[in-house]
Structures are given as structure tokens and as C-alpha cells.
Amino acid sequence: MWEPSEEGFRQLKRLVIENEYLERWNAVGDNFPRLECLELRTCDHLLEIPSGFADIITLALIQLNCCWDSVLTSAKLIQEEQYSNYGKALLVRSENIMTKPVNNKEEQWDGEEESDLLQD
């Protein structure tokens, strides 16, 4: 469980988390007020991105590689909230998304996907 300090990371614009044993993460928008890019690589213990990332108005890109499909789902929810609350089109990119094993089979990998909200 990672809980950033109250001071947060005031100047951080790009956060990359790679191959960590991070399972849960409690963060709010105030922890990363200037964040523009969140990149998660091979985070196979993490199940979701904290919903507080929807409040980071500077966030422009979430990039996922080798993460669970539930992490992608949480990224898309953040994308939808940003569009609904701020009219902002957050880009979500994903590669090698894993789905949970079914009937004791190995993990399954999906190909590359890019999601951008369509505007009316």
C-alpha cells in the first residue's frame, strides 16, 4: 500500500511506475497537482488506479503496459470523469493488457489499444 505524504509531489509532471509489487495505492489529485503523464509498466499486482486521479486537471495521458484489465477499466473511468467534469479529453493508451486466468489457464494478453473520448 502506497500513500503519498501530505506534501505530495508538487513539481512532478511524469510518474512512471515499473515492475513494482504495488498492490494498492491511495492518492488524490492534491498529491500530484502538476502531473501530465502517468505511466504504469508491468504492474501485475496493481488492480486499479486511484479515482482521485480524475481531479488532476493537468493530466493528459495515462499509458499502460502489461497491466491487468481492471487497471485499464479504472483509467477509462478517470478519462470519462475528466471529460464530464472538465470537458477535457484525456488520452488512455494501453498495450499487453492482461485478463484474469479462466479455469486455471495462463493469463491472456490483449493487443494494443488506444482510447480517446469522441466529441459531439
PDB file of N, CA and C in Angstrom:
ATOM      1  N   MET A   1       0.855  -1.177   0.000  1.00  0.00           N
ATOM      2  CA  MET A   1       0.000   0.000   0.000  1.00  0.00           C
ATOM      3  C   MET A   1       0.895   1.232   0.000  1.00  0.00           C
ATOM      4  N   TRP A   2       0.681   2.105  -0.981  1.00  0.00           N
ATOM      5  CA  TRP A   2       1.457   3.347  -1.040  1.00  0.00           C
ATOM      6  C   TRP A   2       0.523   4.511  -0.768  1.00  0.00           C
ATOM      7  N   GLU A   3       0.879   5.334   0.201  1.00  0.00           N
ATOM      8  CA  GLU A   3       0.151   6.561   0.490  1.00  0.00           C
ATOM      9  C   GLU A   3       1.143   7.705   0.425  1.00  0.00           C
ATOM     10  N   PRO A   4       1.073   8.536  -0.620  1.00  0.00           N
ATOM     11  CA  PRO A   4       1.985   9.682  -0.705  1.00  0.00           C
ATOM     12  C   PRO A   4       1.804  10.602   0.500  1.00  0.00           C
ATOM     13  N   SER A   5       2.871  11.271   0.869  1.00  0.00           N
ATOM     14  CA  SER A   5       2.805  12.192   2.004  1.00  0.00           C
ATOM     15  C   SER A   5       1.858  13.348   1.682  1.00  0.00           C
ATOM     16  N   GLU A   6       1.454  14.062   2.701  1.00  0.00           N
ATOM     17  CA  GLU A   6       0.526  15.176   2.509  1.00  0.00           C
ATOM     18  C   GLU A   6       1.095  16.237   1.578  1.00  0.00           C
ATOM     19  N   GLU A   7       2.432  16.424   1.627  1.00  0.00           N
ATOM     20  CA  GLU A   7       3.065  17.418   0.758  1.00  0.00           C
ATOM     21  C   GLU A   7       2.970  17.002  -0.707  1.00  0.00           C
ATOM     22  N   GLY A   8       2.913  15.696  -0.958  1.00  0.00           N
ATOM     23  CA  GLY A   8       2.805  15.195  -2.322  1.00  0.00           C
ATOM     24  C   GLY A   8       4.049  15.464  -3.148  1.00  0.00           C
ATOM     25  N   PHE A   9       3.879  15.468  -4.438  1.00  0.00           N
ATOM     26  CA  PHE A   9       4.953  15.700  -5.395  1.00  0.00           C
ATOM     27  C   PHE A   9       4.553  16.916  -6.214  1.00  0.00           C
ATOM     28  N   ARG A  10       4.814  18.082  -5.692  1.00  0.00           N
ATOM     29  CA  ARG A  10       4.314  19.343  -6.228  1.00  0.00           C
ATOM     30  C   ARG A  10       4.801  19.679  -7.636  1.00  0.00           C
ATOM     31  N   GLN A  11       6.004  19.267  -8.017  1.00  0.00           N
ATOM     32  CA  GLN A  11       6.575  19.644  -9.314  1.00  0.00           C
ATOM     33  C   GLN A  11       6.557  18.502 -10.329  1.00  0.00           C
ATOM     34  N   LEU A  12       6.157  17.317  -9.918  1.00  0.00           N
ATOM     35  CA  LEU A  12       6.229  16.136 -10.773  1.00  0.00           C
ATOM     36  C   LEU A  12       5.272  16.236 -11.957  1.00  0.00           C
ATOM     37  N   LYS A  13       5.799  16.052 -13.172  1.00  0.00           N
ATOM     38  CA  LYS A  13       4.971  16.105 -14.381  1.00  0.00           C
ATOM     39  C   LYS A  13       4.763  14.728 -14.996  1.00  0.00           C
ATOM     40  N   ARG A  14       5.706  13.813 -14.755  1.00  0.00           N
ATOM     41  CA  ARG A  14       5.601  12.464 -15.308  1.00  0.00           C
ATOM     42  C   ARG A  14       5.918  11.460 -14.213  1.00  0.00           C
ATOM     43  N   LEU A  15       5.002  10.534 -13.997  1.00  0.00           N
ATOM     44  CA  LEU A  15       5.190   9.485 -12.996  1.00  0.00           C
ATOM     45  C   LEU A  15       5.210   8.143 -13.717  1.00  0.00           C
ATOM     46  N   VAL A  16       6.319   7.419 -13.582  1.00  0.00           N
ATOM     47  CA  VAL A  16       6.460   6.097 -14.179  1.00  0.00           C
ATOM     48  C   VAL A  16       6.654   5.096 -13.049  1.00  0.00           C
ATOM     49  N   ILE A  17       5.799   4.104 -13.009  1.00  0.00           N
ATOM     50  CA  ILE A  17       5.933   3.014 -12.039  1.00  0.00           C
ATOM     51  C   ILE A  17       6.110   1.748 -12.856  1.00  0.00           C
ATOM     52  N   GLU A  18       7.229   1.056 -12.604  1.00  0.00           N
ATOM     53  CA  GLU A  18       7.550  -0.117 -13.404  1.00  0.00           C
ATOM     54  C   GLU A  18       7.930  -1.288 -12.517  1.00  0.00           C
ATOM     55  N   ASN A  19       7.319  -2.425 -12.812  1.00  0.00           N
ATOM     56  CA  ASN A  19       7.693  -3.696 -12.201  1.00  0.00           C
ATOM     57  C   ASN A  19       7.799  -3.608 -10.684  1.00  0.00           C
ATOM     58  N   GLU A  20       6.801  -3.067 -10.072  1.00  0.00           N
ATOM     59  CA  GLU A  20       6.768  -2.943  -8.618  1.00  0.00           C
ATOM     60  C   GLU A  20       5.737  -3.912  -8.044  1.00  0.00           C
ATOM     61  N   TYR A  21       5.872  -4.166  -6.775  1.00  0.00           N
ATOM     62  CA  TYR A  21       4.926  -5.038  -6.090  1.00  0.00           C
ATOM     63  C   TYR A  21       3.788  -4.240  -5.463  1.00  0.00           C
ATOM     64  N   LEU A  22       3.488  -3.129  -6.067  1.00  0.00           N
ATOM     65  CA  LEU A  22       2.436  -2.253  -5.585  1.00  0.00           C
ATOM     66  C   LEU A  22       1.077  -2.919  -5.811  1.00  0.00           C
ATOM     67  N   GLU A  23       0.338  -3.128  -4.720  1.00  0.00           N
ATOM     68  CA  GLU A  23      -0.985  -3.740  -4.822  1.00  0.00           C
ATOM     69  C   GLU A  23      -2.087  -2.707  -4.707  1.00  0.00           C
ATOM     70  N   ARG A  24      -1.935  -1.804  -3.752  1.00  0.00           N
ATOM     71  CA  ARG A  24      -2.941  -0.766  -3.539  1.00  0.00           C
ATOM     72  C   ARG A  24      -2.246   0.567  -3.404  1.00  0.00           C
ATOM     73  N   TRP A  25      -2.996   1.607  -3.757  1.00  0.00           N
ATOM     74  CA  TRP A  25      -2.399   2.919  -3.842  1.00  0.00           C
ATOM     75  C   TRP A  25      -3.472   3.918  -3.480  1.00  0.00           C
ATOM     76  N   ASN A  26      -3.222   4.727  -2.492  1.00  0.00           N
ATOM     77  CA  ASN A  26      -4.193   5.714  -2.051  1.00  0.00           C
ATOM     78  C   ASN A  26      -3.641   7.098  -2.387  1.00  0.00           C
ATOM     79  N   ALA A  27      -4.166   7.710  -3.409  1.00  0.00           N
ATOM     80  CA  ALA A  27      -3.675   9.020  -3.831  1.00  0.00           C
ATOM     81  C   ALA A  27      -4.849   9.886  -4.254  1.00  0.00           C
ATOM     82  N   VAL A  28      -4.666  11.189  -4.079  1.00  0.00           N
ATOM     83  CA  VAL A  28      -5.664  12.160  -4.513  1.00  0.00           C
ATOM     84  C   VAL A  28      -4.988  13.171  -5.432  1.00  0.00           C
ATOM     85  N   GLY A  29      -5.783  13.939  -6.127  1.00  0.00           N
ATOM     86  CA  GLY A  29      -5.259  14.916  -7.063  1.00  0.00           C
ATOM     87  C   GLY A  29      -4.287  15.896  -6.435  1.00  0.00           C
ATOM     88  N   ASP A  30      -4.505  16.235  -5.169  1.00  0.00           N
ATOM     89  CA  ASP A  30      -3.618  17.179  -4.481  1.00  0.00           C
ATOM     90  C   ASP A  30      -2.199  16.646  -4.325  1.00  0.00           C
ATOM     91  N   ASN A  31      -2.022  15.315  -4.377  1.00  0.00           N
ATOM     92  CA  ASN A  31      -0.691  14.728  -4.258  1.00  0.00           C
ATOM     93  C   ASN A  31       0.168  14.979  -5.492  1.00  0.00           C
ATOM     94  N   PHE A  32      -0.462  15.188  -6.639  1.00  0.00           N
ATOM     95  CA  PHE A  32       0.246  15.357  -7.914  1.00  0.00           C
ATOM     96  C   PHE A  32      -0.363  16.520  -8.707  1.00  0.00           C
ATOM     97  N   PRO A  33      -0.290  17.756  -8.216  1.00  0.00           N
ATOM     98  CA  PRO A  33      -1.030  18.855  -8.839  1.00  0.00           C
ATOM     99  C   PRO A  33      -0.562  19.255 -10.244  1.00  0.00           C
ATOM    100  N   ARG A  34       0.640  18.872 -10.667  1.00  0.00           N
ATOM    101  CA  ARG A  34       1.140  19.233 -11.999  1.00  0.00           C
ATOM    102  C   ARG A  34       1.344  18.037 -12.912  1.00  0.00           C
ATOM    103  N   LEU A  35       0.889  16.878 -12.493  1.00  0.00           N
ATOM    104  CA  LEU A  35       1.123  15.654 -13.257  1.00  0.00           C
ATOM    105  C   LEU A  35       0.473  15.729 -14.631  1.00  0.00           C
ATOM    106  N   GLU A  36       1.234  15.421 -15.661  1.00  0.00           N
ATOM    107  CA  GLU A  36       0.738  15.418 -17.040  1.00  0.00           C
ATOM    108  C   GLU A  36       0.645  14.007 -17.600  1.00  0.00           C
ATOM    109  N   CYS A  37       1.520  13.098 -17.142  1.00  0.00           N
ATOM    110  CA  CYS A  37       1.580  11.746 -17.697  1.00  0.00           C
ATOM    111  C   CYS A  37       1.754  10.728 -16.575  1.00  0.00           C
ATOM    112  N   LEU A  38       0.892   9.728 -16.566  1.00  0.00           N
ATOM    113  CA  LEU A  38       1.009   8.590 -15.657  1.00  0.00           C
ATOM    114  C   LEU A  38       1.292   7.363 -16.503  1.00  0.00           C
ATOM    115  N   GLU A  39       2.400   6.692 -16.221  1.00  0.00           N
ATOM    116  CA  GLU A  39       2.775   5.507 -16.991  1.00  0.00           C
ATOM    117  C   GLU A  39       2.999   4.342 -16.040  1.00  0.00           C
ATOM    118  N   LEU A  40       2.275   3.261 -16.279  1.00  0.00           N
ATOM    119  CA  LEU A  40       2.398   2.047 -15.470  1.00  0.00           C
ATOM    120  C   LEU A  40       2.874   0.921 -16.373  1.00  0.00           C
ATOM    121  N   ARG A  41       3.988   0.285 -15.993  1.00  0.00           N
ATOM    122  CA  ARG A  41       4.568  -0.806 -16.785  1.00  0.00           C
ATOM    123  C   ARG A  41       4.767  -2.035 -15.905  1.00  0.00           C
ATOM    124  N   THR A  42       4.268  -3.149 -16.365  1.00  0.00           N
ATOM    125  CA  THR A  42       4.441  -4.437 -15.691  1.00  0.00           C
ATOM    126  C   THR A  42       4.066  -4.344 -14.208  1.00  0.00           C
ATOM    127  N   CYS A  43       2.943  -3.756 -13.954  1.00  0.00           N
ATOM    128  CA  CYS A  43       2.425  -3.648 -12.583  1.00  0.00           C
ATOM    129  C   CYS A  43       1.389  -4.742 -12.381  1.00  0.00           C
ATOM    130  N   ASP A  44       1.873  -5.977 -12.295  1.00  0.00           N
ATOM    131  CA  ASP A  44       0.949  -7.104 -12.284  1.00  0.00           C
ATOM    132  C   ASP A  44       0.359  -7.428 -10.911  1.00  0.00           C
ATOM    133  N   HIS A  45       0.599  -6.573  -9.931  1.00  0.00           N
ATOM    134  CA  HIS A  45      -0.059  -6.724  -8.635  1.00  0.00           C
ATOM    135  C   HIS A  45      -1.122  -5.643  -8.423  1.00  0.00           C
ATOM    136  N   LEU A  46      -1.032  -4.577  -9.178  1.00  0.00           N
ATOM    137  CA  LEU A  46      -1.944  -3.445  -9.050  1.00  0.00           C
ATOM    138  C   LEU A  46      -3.273  -3.755  -9.744  1.00  0.00           C
ATOM    139  N   LEU A  47      -4.378  -3.458  -9.081  1.00  0.00           N
ATOM    140  CA  LEU A  47      -5.691  -3.753  -9.644  1.00  0.00           C
ATOM    141  C   LEU A  47      -6.436  -2.522 -10.143  1.00  0.00           C
ATOM    142  N   GLU A  48      -6.034  -1.317  -9.695  1.00  0.00           N
ATOM    143  CA  GLU A  48      -6.706  -0.118 -10.177  1.00  0.00           C
ATOM    144  C   GLU A  48      -5.877   1.126  -9.910  1.00  0.00           C
ATOM    145  N   ILE A  49      -6.179   2.162 -10.655  1.00  0.00           N
ATOM    146  CA  ILE A  49      -5.595   3.480 -10.442  1.00  0.00           C
ATOM    147  C   ILE A  49      -6.550   4.219  -9.510  1.00  0.00           C
ATOM    148  N   PRO A  50      -6.032   4.917  -8.514  1.00  0.00           N
ATOM    149  CA  PRO A  50      -6.932   5.642  -7.606  1.00  0.00           C
ATOM    150  C   PRO A  50      -7.836   6.624  -8.357  1.00  0.00           C
ATOM    151  N   SER A  51      -9.085   6.663  -7.977  1.00  0.00           N
ATOM    152  CA  SER A  51     -10.058   7.531  -8.646  1.00  0.00           C
ATOM    153  C   SER A  51      -9.721   9.008  -8.485  1.00  0.00           C
ATOM    154  N   GLY A  52      -8.924   9.349  -7.484  1.00  0.00           N
ATOM    155  CA  GLY A  52      -8.515  10.730  -7.262  1.00  0.00           C
ATOM    156  C   GLY A  52      -7.743  11.329  -8.425  1.00  0.00           C
ATOM    157  N   PHE A  53      -7.221  10.493  -9.314  1.00  0.00           N
ATOM    158  CA  PHE A  53      -6.507  10.999 -10.484  1.00  0.00           C
ATOM    159  C   PHE A  53      -7.441  11.745 -11.435  1.00  0.00           C
ATOM    160  N   ALA A  54      -8.727  11.537 -11.305  1.00  0.00           N
ATOM    161  CA  ALA A  54      -9.698  12.258 -12.135  1.00  0.00           C
ATOM    162  C   ALA A  54      -9.708  13.745 -11.808  1.00  0.00           C
ATOM    163  N   ASP A  55      -9.198  14.108 -10.632  1.00  0.00           N
ATOM    164  CA  ASP A  55      -9.177  15.514 -10.209  1.00  0.00           C
ATOM    165  C   ASP A  55      -7.898  16.245 -10.595  1.00  0.00           C
ATOM    166  N   ILE A  56      -6.991  15.559 -11.275  1.00  0.00           N
ATOM    167  CA  ILE A  56      -5.742  16.193 -11.709  1.00  0.00           C
ATOM    168  C   ILE A  56      -6.000  16.798 -13.085  1.00  0.00           C
ATOM    169  N   ILE A  57      -6.284  18.084 -13.128  1.00  0.00           N
ATOM    170  CA  ILE A  57      -6.695  18.719 -14.383  1.00  0.00           C
ATOM    171  C   ILE A  57      -5.552  18.841 -15.386  1.00  0.00           C
ATOM    172  N   THR A  58      -4.308  18.708 -14.935  1.00  0.00           N
ATOM    173  CA  THR A  58      -3.167  18.768 -15.851  1.00  0.00           C
ATOM    174  C   THR A  58      -2.887  17.425 -16.511  1.00  0.00           C
ATOM    175  N   LEU A  59      -3.505  16.355 -16.039  1.00  0.00           N
ATOM    176  CA  LEU A  59      -3.255  15.013 -16.562  1.00  0.00           C
ATOM    177  C   LEU A  59      -3.758  14.903 -18.000  1.00  0.00           C
ATOM    178  N   ALA A  60      -2.851  14.558 -18.917  1.00  0.00           N
ATOM    179  CA  ALA A  60      -3.200  14.478 -20.336  1.00  0.00           C
ATOM    180  C   ALA A  60      -3.085  13.062 -20.894  1.00  0.00           C
ATOM    181  N   LEU A  61      -2.301  12.203 -20.229  1.00  0.00           N
ATOM    182  CA  LEU A  61      -2.045  10.868 -20.765  1.00  0.00           C
ATOM    183  C   LEU A  61      -1.893   9.855 -19.646  1.00  0.00           C
ATOM    184  N   ILE A  62      -2.576   8.730 -19.801  1.00  0.00           N
ATOM    185  CA  ILE A  62      -2.342   7.550 -18.975  1.00  0.00           C
ATOM    186  C   ILE A  62      -1.898   6.458 -19.939  1.00  0.00           C
ATOM    187  N   GLN A  63      -0.719   5.906 -19.699  1.00  0.00           N
ATOM    188  CA  GLN A  63      -0.174   4.872 -20.569  1.00  0.00           C
ATOM    189  C   GLN A  63       0.051   3.608 -19.744  1.00  0.00           C
ATOM    190  N   LEU A  64      -0.502   2.501 -20.224  1.00  0.00           N
ATOM    191  CA  LEU A  64      -0.428   1.225 -19.514  1.00  0.00           C
ATOM    192  C   LEU A  64       0.240   0.178 -20.387  1.00  0.00           C
ATOM    193  N   ASN A  65       1.138  -0.600 -19.789  1.00  0.00           N
ATOM    194  CA  ASN A  65       1.780  -1.698 -20.500  1.00  0.00           C
ATOM    195  C   ASN A  65       1.934  -2.859 -19.520  1.00  0.00           C
ATOM    196  N   CYS A  66       1.397  -4.004 -19.895  1.00  0.00           N
ATOM    197  CA  CYS A  66       1.462  -5.218 -19.064  1.00  0.00           C
ATOM    198  C   CYS A  66       0.797  -4.999 -17.709  1.00  0.00           C
ATOM    199  N   CYS A  67      -0.434  -4.535 -17.739  1.00  0.00           N
ATOM    200  CA  CYS A  67      -1.229  -4.334 -16.530  1.00  0.00           C
ATOM    201  C   CYS A  67      -2.522  -5.141 -16.674  1.00  0.00           C
ATOM    202  N   TRP A  68      -3.216  -5.291 -15.571  1.00  0.00           N
ATOM    203  CA  TRP A  68      -4.500  -6.004 -15.589  1.00  0.00           C
ATOM    204  C   TRP A  68      -5.581  -5.175 -16.280  1.00  0.00           C
ATOM    205  N   ASP A  69      -6.568  -5.866 -16.823  1.00  0.00           N
ATOM    206  CA  ASP A  69      -7.683  -5.181 -17.480  1.00  0.00           C
ATOM    207  C   ASP A  69      -8.452  -4.295 -16.503  1.00  0.00           C
ATOM    208  N   SER A  70      -8.429  -4.612 -15.215  1.00  0.00           N
ATOM    209  CA  SER A  70      -9.097  -3.768 -14.224  1.00  0.00           C
ATOM    210  C   SER A  70      -8.397  -2.407 -14.084  1.00  0.00           C
ATOM    211  N   VAL A  71      -7.083  -2.372 -14.333  1.00  0.00           N
ATOM    212  CA  VAL A  71      -6.350  -1.103 -14.312  1.00  0.00           C
ATOM    213  C   VAL A  71      -6.779  -0.257 -15.512  1.00  0.00           C
ATOM    214  N   LEU A  72      -6.925  -0.905 -16.658  1.00  0.00           N
ATOM    215  CA  LEU A  72      -7.418  -0.208 -17.853  1.00  0.00           C
ATOM    216  C   LEU A  72      -8.831   0.319 -17.620  1.00  0.00           C
ATOM    217  N   THR A  73      -9.667  -0.472 -16.992  1.00  0.00           N
ATOM    218  CA  THR A  73     -11.035  -0.041 -16.686  1.00  0.00           C
ATOM    219  C   THR A  73     -11.018   1.197 -15.798  1.00  0.00           C
ATOM    220  N   SER A  74     -10.160   1.209 -14.785  1.00  0.00           N
ATOM    221  CA  SER A  74     -10.100   2.384 -13.904  1.00  0.00           C
ATOM    222  C   SER A  74      -9.562   3.600 -14.658  1.00  0.00           C
ATOM    223  N   ALA A  75      -8.621   3.400 -15.589  1.00  0.00           N
ATOM    224  CA  ALA A  75      -8.110   4.512 -16.402  1.00  0.00           C
ATOM    225  C   ALA A  75      -9.219   5.101 -17.265  1.00  0.00           C
ATOM    226  N   LYS A  76     -10.049   4.236 -17.827  1.00  0.00           N
ATOM    227  CA  LYS A  76     -11.154   4.715 -18.665  1.00  0.00           C
ATOM    228  C   LYS A  76     -12.212   5.451 -17.836  1.00  0.00           C
ATOM    229  N   LEU A  77     -12.418   5.034 -16.595  1.00  0.00           N
ATOM    230  CA  LEU A  77     -13.343   5.757 -15.717  1.00  0.00           C
ATOM    231  C   LEU A  77     -12.802   7.150 -15.404  1.00  0.00           C
ATOM    232  N   ILE A  78     -11.504   7.245 -15.169  1.00  0.00           N
ATOM    233  CA  ILE A  78     -10.866   8.541 -14.933  1.00  0.00           C
ATOM    234  C   ILE A  78     -11.012   9.411 -16.176  1.00  0.00           C
ATOM    235  N   GLN A  79     -10.826   8.802 -17.341  1.00  0.00           N
ATOM    236  CA  GLN A  79     -10.973   9.503 -18.621  1.00  0.00           C
ATOM    237  C   GLN A  79     -12.394  10.075 -18.752  1.00  0.00           C
ATOM    238  N   GLU A  80     -13.388   9.267 -18.456  1.00  0.00           N
ATOM    239  CA  GLU A  80     -14.786   9.704 -18.546  1.00  0.00           C
ATOM    240  C   GLU A  80     -15.089  10.822 -17.554  1.00  0.00           C
ATOM    241  N   GLU A  81     -14.582  10.699 -16.322  1.00  0.00           N
ATOM    242  CA  GLU A  81     -14.817  11.733 -15.314  1.00  0.00           C
ATOM    243  C   GLU A  81     -14.181  13.054 -15.719  1.00  0.00           C
ATOM    244  N   GLN A  82     -12.965  12.995 -16.261  1.00  0.00           N
ATOM    245  CA  GLN A  82     -12.300  14.230 -16.687  1.00  0.00           C
ATOM    246  C   GLN A  82     -13.105  14.909 -17.795  1.00  0.00           C
ATOM    247  N   TYR A  83     -13.614  14.129 -18.705  1.00  0.00           N
ATOM    248  CA  TYR A  83     -14.389  14.706 -19.799  1.00  0.00           C
ATOM    249  C   TYR A  83     -15.695  15.299 -19.266  1.00  0.00           C
ATOM    250  N   SER A  84     -16.367  14.560 -18.375  1.00  0.00           N
ATOM    251  CA  SER A  84     -17.641  15.034 -17.817  1.00  0.00           C
ATOM    252  C   SER A  84     -17.459  16.269 -16.946  1.00  0.00           C
ATOM    253  N   ASN A  85     -16.426  16.273 -16.111  1.00  0.00           N
ATOM    254  CA  ASN A  85     -16.236  17.362 -15.143  1.00  0.00           C
ATOM    255  C   ASN A  85     -15.524  18.585 -15.707  1.00  0.00           C
ATOM    256  N   TYR A  86     -14.591  18.360 -16.643  1.00  0.00           N
ATOM    257  CA  TYR A  86     -13.761  19.468 -17.115  1.00  0.00           C
ATOM    258  C   TYR A  86     -13.811  19.671 -18.628  1.00  0.00           C
ATOM    259  N   GLY A  87     -14.528  18.790 -19.354  1.00  0.00           N
ATOM    260  CA  GLY A  87     -14.583  18.885 -20.801  1.00  0.00           C
ATOM    261  C   GLY A  87     -13.232  18.615 -21.442  1.00  0.00           C
ATOM    262  N   LYS A  88     -12.413  17.861 -20.750  1.00  0.00           N
ATOM    263  CA  LYS A  88     -11.036  17.607 -21.157  1.00  0.00           C
ATOM    264  C   LYS A  88     -10.897  16.197 -21.699  1.00  0.00           C
ATOM    265  N   ALA A  89     -10.265  16.050 -22.854  1.00  0.00           N
ATOM    266  CA  ALA A  89     -10.072  14.741 -23.469  1.00  0.00           C
ATOM    267  C   ALA A  89      -8.735  14.157 -23.020  1.00  0.00           C
ATOM    268  N   LEU A  90      -8.767  13.308 -22.015  1.00  0.00           N
ATOM    269  CA  LEU A  90      -7.593  12.591 -21.506  1.00  0.00           C
ATOM    270  C   LEU A  90      -7.351  11.390 -22.406  1.00  0.00           C
ATOM    271  N   LEU A  91      -6.126  11.195 -22.847  1.00  0.00           N
ATOM    272  CA  LEU A  91      -5.771  10.073 -23.709  1.00  0.00           C
ATOM    273  C   LEU A  91      -5.358   8.891 -22.844  1.00  0.00           C
ATOM    274  N   VAL A  92      -5.916   7.709 -23.129  1.00  0.00           N
ATOM    275  CA  VAL A  92      -5.535   6.470 -22.458  1.00  0.00           C
ATOM    276  C   VAL A  92      -4.986   5.532 -23.524  1.00  0.00           C
ATOM    277  N   ARG A  93      -3.735   5.121 -23.342  1.00  0.00           N
ATOM    278  CA  ARG A  93      -3.092   4.165 -24.256  1.00  0.00           C
ATOM    279  C   ARG A  93      -2.781   2.901 -23.488  1.00  0.00           C
ATOM    280  N   SER A  94      -2.922   1.761 -24.149  1.00  0.00           N
ATOM    281  CA  SER A  94      -2.639   0.501 -23.466  1.00  0.00           C
ATOM    282  C   SER A  94      -2.042  -0.512 -24.429  1.00  0.00           C
ATOM    283  N   GLU A  95      -1.144  -1.327 -23.888  1.00  0.00           N
ATOM    284  CA  GLU A  95      -0.528  -2.433 -24.618  1.00  0.00           C
ATOM    285  C   GLU A  95      -0.433  -3.628 -23.686  1.00  0.00           C
ATOM    286  N   ASN A  96      -0.569  -4.798 -24.247  1.00  0.00           N
ATOM    287  CA  ASN A  96      -0.362  -6.034 -23.492  1.00  0.00           C
ATOM    288  C   ASN A  96      -1.164  -6.075 -22.198  1.00  0.00           C
ATOM    289  N   ILE A  97      -2.436  -5.804 -22.308  1.00  0.00           N
ATOM    290  CA  ILE A  97      -3.315  -5.820 -21.140  1.00  0.00           C
ATOM    291  C   ILE A  97      -3.665  -7.269 -20.804  1.00  0.00           C
ATOM    292  N   MET A  98      -3.532  -7.616 -19.533  1.00  0.00           N
ATOM    293  CA  MET A  98      -3.779  -8.986 -19.085  1.00  0.00           C
ATOM    294  C   MET A  98      -5.206  -9.132 -18.578  1.00  0.00           C
ATOM    295  N   THR A  99      -5.782 -10.272 -18.869  1.00  0.00           N
ATOM    296  CA  THR A  99      -7.079 -10.613 -18.288  1.00  0.00           C
ATOM    297  C   THR A  99      -6.844 -11.724 -17.281  1.00  0.00           C
ATOM    298  N   LYS A 100      -7.687 -11.780 -16.285  1.00  0.00           N
ATOM    299  CA  LYS A 100      -7.532 -12.794 -15.243  1.00  0.00           C
ATOM    300  C   LYS A 100      -7.650 -14.190 -15.839  1.00  0.00           C
ATOM    301  N   PRO A 101      -6.890 -15.155 -15.317  1.00  0.00           N
ATOM    302  CA  PRO A 101      -6.971 -16.531 -15.828  1.00  0.00           C
ATOM    303  C   PRO A 101      -8.376 -17.106 -15.662  1.00  0.00           C
ATOM    304  N   VAL A 102      -8.763 -17.918 -16.628  1.00  0.00           N
ATOM    305  CA  VAL A 102     -10.064 -18.580 -16.592  1.00  0.00           C
ATOM    306  C   VAL A 102      -9.821 -20.081 -16.555  1.00  0.00           C
ATOM    307  N   ASN A 103     -10.425 -20.774 -15.590  1.00  0.00           N
ATOM    308  CA  ASN A 103     -10.286 -22.225 -15.466  1.00  0.00           C
ATOM    309  C   ASN A 103      -8.831 -22.676 -15.436  1.00  0.00           C
ATOM    310  N   ASN A 104      -8.026 -22.026 -14.605  1.00  0.00           N
ATOM    311  CA  ASN A 104      -6.613 -22.376 -14.412  1.00  0.00           C
ATOM    312  C   ASN A 104      -5.757 -22.255 -15.657  1.00  0.00           C
ATOM    313  N   LYS A 105      -6.186 -21.508 -16.629  1.00  0.00           N
ATOM    314  CA  LYS A 105      -5.352 -21.246 -17.799  1.00  0.00           C
ATOM    315  C   LYS A 105      -4.439 -20.079 -17.475  1.00  0.00           C
ATOM    316  N   GLU A 106      -3.372 -19.934 -18.250  1.00  0.00           N
ATOM    317  CA  GLU A 106      -2.454 -18.821 -18.033  1.00  0.00           C
ATOM    318  C   GLU A 106      -3.138 -17.516 -18.392  1.00  0.00           C
ATOM    319  N   GLU A 107      -2.520 -16.412 -17.936  1.00  0.00           N
ATOM    320  CA  GLU A 107      -3.068 -15.105 -18.260  1.00  0.00           C
ATOM    321  C   GLU A 107      -3.158 -14.936 -19.766  1.00  0.00           C
ATOM    322  N   GLN A 108      -4.105 -14.151 -20.181  1.00  0.00           N
ATOM    323  CA  GLN A 108      -4.262 -13.847 -21.589  1.00  0.00           C
ATOM    324  C   GLN A 108      -3.864 -12.406 -21.814  1.00  0.00           C
ATOM    325  N   TRP A 109      -3.233 -12.142 -22.941  1.00  0.00           N
ATOM    326  CA  TRP A 109      -2.765 -10.795 -23.265  1.00  0.00           C
ATOM    327  C   TRP A 109      -3.557 -10.259 -24.433  1.00  0.00           C
ATOM    328  N   ASP A 110      -4.001  -9.030 -24.300  1.00  0.00           N
ATOM    329  CA  ASP A 110      -4.659  -8.349 -25.406  1.00  0.00           C
ATOM    330  C   ASP A 110      -3.621  -7.518 -26.132  1.00  0.00           C
ATOM    331  N   GLY A 111      -3.914  -7.155 -27.340  1.00  0.00           N
ATOM    332  CA  GLY A 111      -3.002  -6.328 -28.128  1.00  0.00           C
ATOM    333  C   GLY A 111      -3.068  -4.874 -27.719  1.00  0.00           C
ATOM    334  N   GLU A 112      -2.591  -4.033 -28.574  1.00  0.00           N
ATOM    335  CA  GLU A 112      -2.527  -2.601 -28.293  1.00  0.00           C
ATOM    336  C   GLU A 112      -3.890  -1.965 -28.463  1.00  0.00           C
ATOM    337  N   GLU A 113      -4.162  -0.976 -27.615  1.00  0.00           N
ATOM    338  CA  GLU A 113      -5.433  -0.262 -27.688  1.00  0.00           C
ATOM    339  C   GLU A 113      -5.175   1.197 -27.364  1.00  0.00           C
ATOM    340  N   GLU A 114      -5.899   2.053 -28.009  1.00  0.00           N
ATOM    341  CA  GLU A 114      -5.825   3.475 -27.697  1.00  0.00           C
ATOM    342  C   GLU A 114      -7.252   3.974 -27.578  1.00  0.00           C
ATOM    343  N   SER A 115      -7.509   4.704 -26.530  1.00  0.00           N
ATOM    344  CA  SER A 115      -8.861   5.177 -26.286  1.00  0.00           C
ATOM    345  C   SER A 115      -8.847   6.689 -26.123  1.00  0.00           C
ATOM    346  N   ASP A 116      -9.702   7.350 -26.838  1.00  0.00           N
ATOM    347  CA  ASP A 116      -9.848   8.794 -26.721  1.00  0.00           C
ATOM    348  C   ASP A 116     -11.349   9.068 -26.807  1.00  0.00           C
ATOM    349  N   LEU A 117     -11.833   9.912 -25.950  1.00  0.00           N
ATOM    350  CA  LEU A 117     -13.269  10.211 -25.966  1.00  0.00           C
ATOM    351  C   LEU A 117     -13.644  10.923 -27.255  1.00  0.00           C
ATOM    352  N   LEU A 118     -14.719  10.513 -27.833  1.00  0.00           N
ATOM    353  CA  LEU A 118     -15.218  11.172 -29.033  1.00  0.00           C
ATOM    354  C   LEU A 118     -16.019  12.387 -28.617  1.00  0.00           C
ATOM    355  N   GLN A 119     -15.828  13.443 -29.322  1.00  0.00           N
ATOM    356  CA  GLN A 119     -16.573  14.649 -29.004  1.00  0.00           C
ATOM    357  C   GLN A 119     -17.739  14.780 -29.968  1.00  0.00           C
ATOM    358  N   ASP A 120     -18.819  15.358 -29.477  1.00  0.00           N
ATOM    359  CA  ASP A 120     -20.037  15.513 -30.301  1.00  0.00           C
ATOM    360  C   ASP A 120     -19.825  16.507 -31.419  1.00  0.00           C
TER     361      ASP A 120
END
